[in-house]
Amino acid sequence: MSIWLGRIGANAIGKLRIHSDTAAIAWGVFCAAFRRDTWPRTVRNVFARQILFTGYEASRFIALLAVMVGISVVVQMQVWLARVGQTGLLGPVLVMVIVRELGPLLVNFIVLGRSGTAMATELGNMKVAGEVNVLDAQGLDPFIYLVVPRVLGMAISVFCLTIIFIIVSFFSGYLIGLLLGANPGPFVLFVESVFRAVSPQDVVNVLVKTFIPGAMTGVICSMEGLS
């Protein structure tokens, strides 16, 4: 019995140690982001390349996925909206489904699978090849040069990709609504209904569901790569 309890305690302590290390690195990145000496030209270049790879190069795929999601949501909701006679609810329904749930969730999954594994692999190869030790020998802090720009770049990329996803899915949903005869009304009224449906809580929800998971993805992938 004591051996079994000891194993449970050891596993629990190990999990707590991993979570505490992750939280400490995330806090260190947050503190370092606001220091001026953190951003020399070399670190800015790494930051720009991370945004280019994670954000810009994934924007086409995100837009294509957003088109399909917008179409599928409107197709599934068309019968219900026509049945209740409230075609003006198309905008609020899209806000409820895409802004509050699907948008941040799908973008985080795509970034994790596309860029997270690539980041961990890149840092792992640098660790094995001894490049991390070379940076340290040259007076460059590996945490500042390798971790900070990648974590912040991934967090900002997730936020921007989510905004692109939301806008494209709304536009595609409106167009498919017109084609299917859902009578979403004039585009101006559709946009107004969307803005009326968006509350301050939705804005906070998007910020929390994009920046925090994006940053934590960068932290965990950096830890795994450098370990």
Protein backbone atom coordinates (compact mmCIF):
# COMPACT_ATOMS: atom_id res chain seq x y z
CA MET A 1 0.00 0.00 0.00
CA SER A 2 2.79 2.41 0.88
CA ILE A 3 4.56 1.67 -2.42
CA TRP A 4 1.38 2.37 -4.36
CA LEU A 5 0.80 5.65 -2.51
CA GLY A 6 4.45 6.58 -3.07
CA ARG A 7 4.09 6.12 -6.82
CA ILE A 8 0.96 8.26 -6.87
CA GLY A 9 2.76 10.96 -4.89
CA ALA A 10 5.81 10.83 -7.13
CA ASN A 11 3.65 11.18 -10.25
CA ALA A 12 1.72 14.07 -8.70
CA ILE A 13 4.92 15.87 -7.70
CA GLY A 14 6.35 15.32 -11.18
CA LYS A 15 3.23 16.79 -12.80
CA LEU A 16 3.28 19.78 -10.45
CA ARG A 17 6.95 20.37 -11.23
CA ILE A 18 6.25 20.36 -14.97
CA HIS A 19 3.33 22.77 -14.58
CA SER A 20 5.35 25.07 -12.35
CA ASP A 21 8.21 25.12 -14.88
CA THR A 22 5.78 25.91 -17.69
CA ALA A 23 4.19 28.74 -15.70
CA ALA A 24 7.63 30.12 -14.76
CA ILE A 25 8.78 30.18 -18.40
CA ALA A 26 5.53 31.82 -19.50
CA TRP A 27 5.93 34.50 -16.82
CA GLY A 28 9.57 35.00 -17.81
CA VAL A 29 8.55 35.53 -21.44
CA PHE A 30 5.88 38.02 -20.37
CA CYS A 31 8.35 40.00 -18.25
CA ALA A 32 11.08 39.92 -20.89
CA ALA A 33 8.70 41.14 -23.61
CA PHE A 34 8.47 44.58 -21.99
CA ARG A 35 12.21 45.12 -21.57
CA ARG A 36 13.91 47.18 -24.22
CA ASP A 37 17.15 45.22 -24.10
CA THR A 38 15.23 42.06 -25.06
CA TRP A 39 14.76 43.25 -28.64
CA PRO A 40 18.07 43.63 -30.48
CA ARG A 41 18.06 43.16 -34.24
CA THR A 42 18.75 39.42 -34.06
CA VAL A 43 15.78 38.77 -31.76
CA ARG A 44 13.52 40.96 -33.92
CA ASN A 45 14.51 38.91 -36.95
CA VAL A 46 13.59 35.65 -35.18
CA PHE A 47 10.29 37.21 -34.10
CA ALA A 48 9.49 38.32 -37.65
CA ARG A 49 10.35 34.90 -39.09
CA GLN A 50 8.13 33.19 -36.53
CA ILE A 51 5.17 35.39 -37.46
CA LEU A 52 5.90 34.82 -41.15
CA PHE A 53 5.89 31.04 -40.74
CA THR A 54 3.12 30.65 -38.17
CA GLY A 55 0.83 33.46 -39.26
CA TYR A 56 1.32 34.55 -42.85
CA GLU A 57 2.07 31.19 -44.43
CA ALA A 58 -0.91 29.59 -42.68
CA SER A 59 -3.37 32.35 -43.58
CA ARG A 60 -4.47 30.76 -46.88
CA PHE A 61 -5.28 27.44 -45.28
CA ILE A 62 -7.07 29.20 -42.42
CA ALA A 63 -9.13 31.22 -44.93
CA LEU A 64 -10.05 28.06 -46.86
CA LEU A 65 -11.12 26.31 -43.66
CA ALA A 66 -13.11 29.39 -42.63
CA VAL A 67 -15.01 29.33 -45.93
CA MET A 68 -15.99 25.69 -45.37
CA VAL A 69 -16.96 26.31 -41.74
CA GLY A 70 -19.08 29.35 -42.64
CA ILE A 71 -20.88 27.38 -45.34
CA SER A 72 -21.49 24.36 -43.11
CA VAL A 73 -22.85 26.45 -40.24
CA VAL A 74 -25.28 28.34 -42.48
CA VAL A 75 -26.42 25.16 -44.26
CA GLN A 76 -27.16 23.47 -40.95
CA MET A 77 -28.92 26.51 -39.53
CA GLN A 78 -30.93 27.39 -42.64
CA VAL A 79 -33.80 25.01 -41.95
CA TRP A 80 -34.12 26.12 -38.34
CA LEU A 81 -33.96 29.82 -39.19
CA ALA A 82 -36.60 29.44 -41.91
CA ARG A 83 -38.81 27.39 -39.58
CA VAL A 84 -38.88 30.02 -36.85
CA GLY A 85 -39.07 32.82 -39.40
CA GLN A 86 -36.09 34.68 -37.96
CA THR A 87 -33.66 35.01 -40.84
CA GLY A 88 -32.24 38.06 -39.11
CA LEU A 89 -30.68 35.71 -36.57
CA LEU A 90 -28.05 34.57 -39.07
CA GLY A 91 -25.50 37.09 -37.78
CA PRO A 92 -26.04 36.30 -34.07
CA VAL A 93 -25.91 32.56 -34.80
CA LEU A 94 -22.57 32.96 -36.56
CA VAL A 95 -21.27 34.99 -33.61
CA MET A 96 -22.41 32.34 -31.15
CA VAL A 97 -20.91 29.42 -33.07
CA ILE A 98 -17.78 30.89 -34.66
CA VAL A 99 -16.62 33.75 -32.44
CA ARG A 100 -17.30 32.04 -29.13
CA GLU A 101 -16.37 28.46 -30.00
CA LEU A 102 -15.13 27.24 -33.37
CA GLY A 103 -12.86 30.09 -34.43
CA PRO A 104 -10.30 30.07 -31.59
CA LEU A 105 -10.55 26.29 -31.16
CA LEU A 106 -9.83 25.34 -34.78
CA VAL A 107 -7.08 27.92 -35.21
CA ASN A 108 -5.30 26.70 -32.07
CA PHE A 109 -5.49 23.10 -33.29
CA ILE A 110 -4.08 24.02 -36.70
CA VAL A 111 -1.24 26.11 -35.27
CA LEU A 112 -0.40 23.39 -32.77
CA GLY A 113 -0.22 20.70 -35.43
CA ARG A 114 1.45 22.81 -38.10
CA SER A 115 3.81 25.15 -36.27
CA GLY A 116 4.13 23.61 -32.81
CA THR A 117 5.73 20.41 -34.01
CA ALA A 118 7.98 22.34 -36.38
CA MET A 119 9.13 24.61 -33.53
CA ALA A 120 9.90 21.68 -31.23
CA THR A 121 11.77 19.88 -34.02
CA GLU A 122 13.81 22.97 -34.92
CA LEU A 123 14.86 23.66 -31.34
CA GLY A 124 15.56 19.98 -30.76
CA ASN A 125 17.88 19.88 -33.76
CA MET A 126 19.64 23.01 -32.51
CA LYS A 127 20.08 21.40 -29.10
CA VAL A 128 21.49 18.19 -30.56
CA ALA A 129 23.80 20.03 -32.93
CA GLY A 130 25.23 22.14 -30.10
CA GLU A 131 23.97 25.45 -31.50
CA VAL A 132 22.39 26.38 -28.17
CA ASN A 133 25.75 26.05 -26.44
CA VAL A 134 27.36 28.14 -29.19
CA LEU A 135 24.85 30.94 -28.61
CA ASP A 136 25.58 30.83 -24.89
CA ALA A 137 29.33 30.92 -25.57
CA GLN A 138 28.87 33.99 -27.78
CA GLY A 139 27.10 35.87 -25.00
CA LEU A 140 23.57 35.45 -26.37
CA ASP A 141 20.98 34.31 -23.86
CA PRO A 142 19.25 31.26 -25.43
CA PHE A 143 16.06 32.11 -23.55
CA ILE A 144 15.94 35.61 -25.06
CA TYR A 145 17.08 34.58 -28.53
CA LEU A 146 15.22 31.28 -28.95
CA VAL A 147 12.22 31.19 -26.63
CA VAL A 148 10.87 34.74 -26.23
CA PRO A 149 10.40 35.65 -29.93
CA ARG A 150 8.93 32.26 -30.78
CA VAL A 151 6.40 32.29 -27.94
CA LEU A 152 5.28 35.86 -28.61
CA GLY A 153 5.24 35.29 -32.37
CA MET A 154 3.01 32.25 -31.97
CA ALA A 155 0.62 34.05 -29.61
CA ILE A 156 0.24 37.03 -31.96
CA SER A 157 -0.12 34.72 -34.97
CA VAL A 158 -2.93 32.75 -33.32
CA PHE A 159 -4.79 35.97 -32.55
CA CYS A 160 -4.42 37.33 -36.08
CA LEU A 161 -5.36 34.01 -37.69
CA THR A 162 -8.47 33.84 -35.51
CA ILE A 163 -9.54 37.30 -36.69
CA ILE A 164 -9.02 36.22 -40.31
CA PHE A 165 -10.99 33.03 -39.65
CA ILE A 166 -13.91 34.95 -38.14
CA ILE A 167 -14.09 37.55 -40.92
CA VAL A 168 -13.85 35.04 -43.77
CA SER A 169 -16.36 32.65 -42.20
CA PHE A 170 -18.85 35.48 -41.69
CA PHE A 171 -18.45 36.63 -45.30
CA SER A 172 -18.79 33.10 -46.70
CA GLY A 173 -21.77 32.43 -44.44
CA TYR A 174 -23.51 35.55 -45.72
CA LEU A 175 -22.87 34.62 -49.36
CA ILE A 176 -24.09 31.03 -48.96
CA GLY A 177 -27.14 32.39 -47.15
CA LEU A 178 -27.95 34.48 -50.20
CA LEU A 179 -27.46 31.55 -52.55
CA LEU A 180 -29.63 29.21 -50.48
CA GLY A 181 -32.41 31.75 -50.11
CA ALA A 182 -32.01 32.21 -46.38
CA ASN A 183 -32.72 35.92 -46.92
CA PRO A 184 -30.02 37.32 -44.63
CA GLY A 185 -30.98 40.84 -45.75
CA PRO A 186 -28.73 43.63 -46.98
CA PHE A 187 -25.06 43.25 -46.13
CA VAL A 188 -25.08 46.44 -44.05
CA LEU A 189 -27.90 45.13 -41.87
CA PHE A 190 -26.11 41.79 -41.56
CA VAL A 191 -22.97 43.54 -40.34
CA GLU A 192 -25.02 45.60 -37.89
CA SER A 193 -26.66 42.47 -36.50
CA VAL A 194 -23.22 40.92 -36.03
CA PHE A 195 -21.91 43.94 -34.14
CA ARG A 196 -25.03 44.04 -31.98
CA ALA A 197 -24.54 40.39 -31.11
CA VAL A 198 -20.88 40.88 -30.14
CA SER A 199 -20.58 41.76 -26.46
CA PRO A 200 -17.53 42.86 -24.44
CA GLN A 201 -17.41 39.34 -23.04
CA ASP A 202 -16.96 38.01 -26.58
CA VAL A 203 -13.98 40.32 -27.12
CA VAL A 204 -12.41 39.12 -23.88
CA ASN A 205 -13.22 35.54 -24.86
CA VAL A 206 -11.35 35.87 -28.16
CA LEU A 207 -8.35 37.49 -26.49
CA VAL A 208 -8.16 34.82 -23.79
CA LYS A 209 -8.69 31.90 -26.17
CA THR A 210 -6.03 33.11 -28.61
CA PHE A 211 -3.17 34.77 -26.74
CA ILE A 212 -3.01 32.39 -23.78
CA PRO A 213 -3.24 29.05 -25.67
CA GLY A 214 -0.91 30.40 -28.37
CA ALA A 215 1.67 31.46 -25.82
CA MET A 216 1.37 28.21 -23.87
CA THR A 217 1.79 26.24 -27.09
CA GLY A 218 5.00 28.13 -27.77
CA VAL A 219 6.25 27.59 -24.22
CA ILE A 220 5.55 23.86 -24.20
CA CYS A 221 7.03 23.29 -27.67
CA SER A 222 10.14 25.27 -26.69
CA MET A 223 10.53 23.25 -23.49
CA GLU A 224 10.14 19.96 -25.32
CA GLY A 225 12.56 21.00 -28.06
CA LEU A 226 15.26 22.29 -25.76
CA SER A 227 14.98 19.35 -23.38
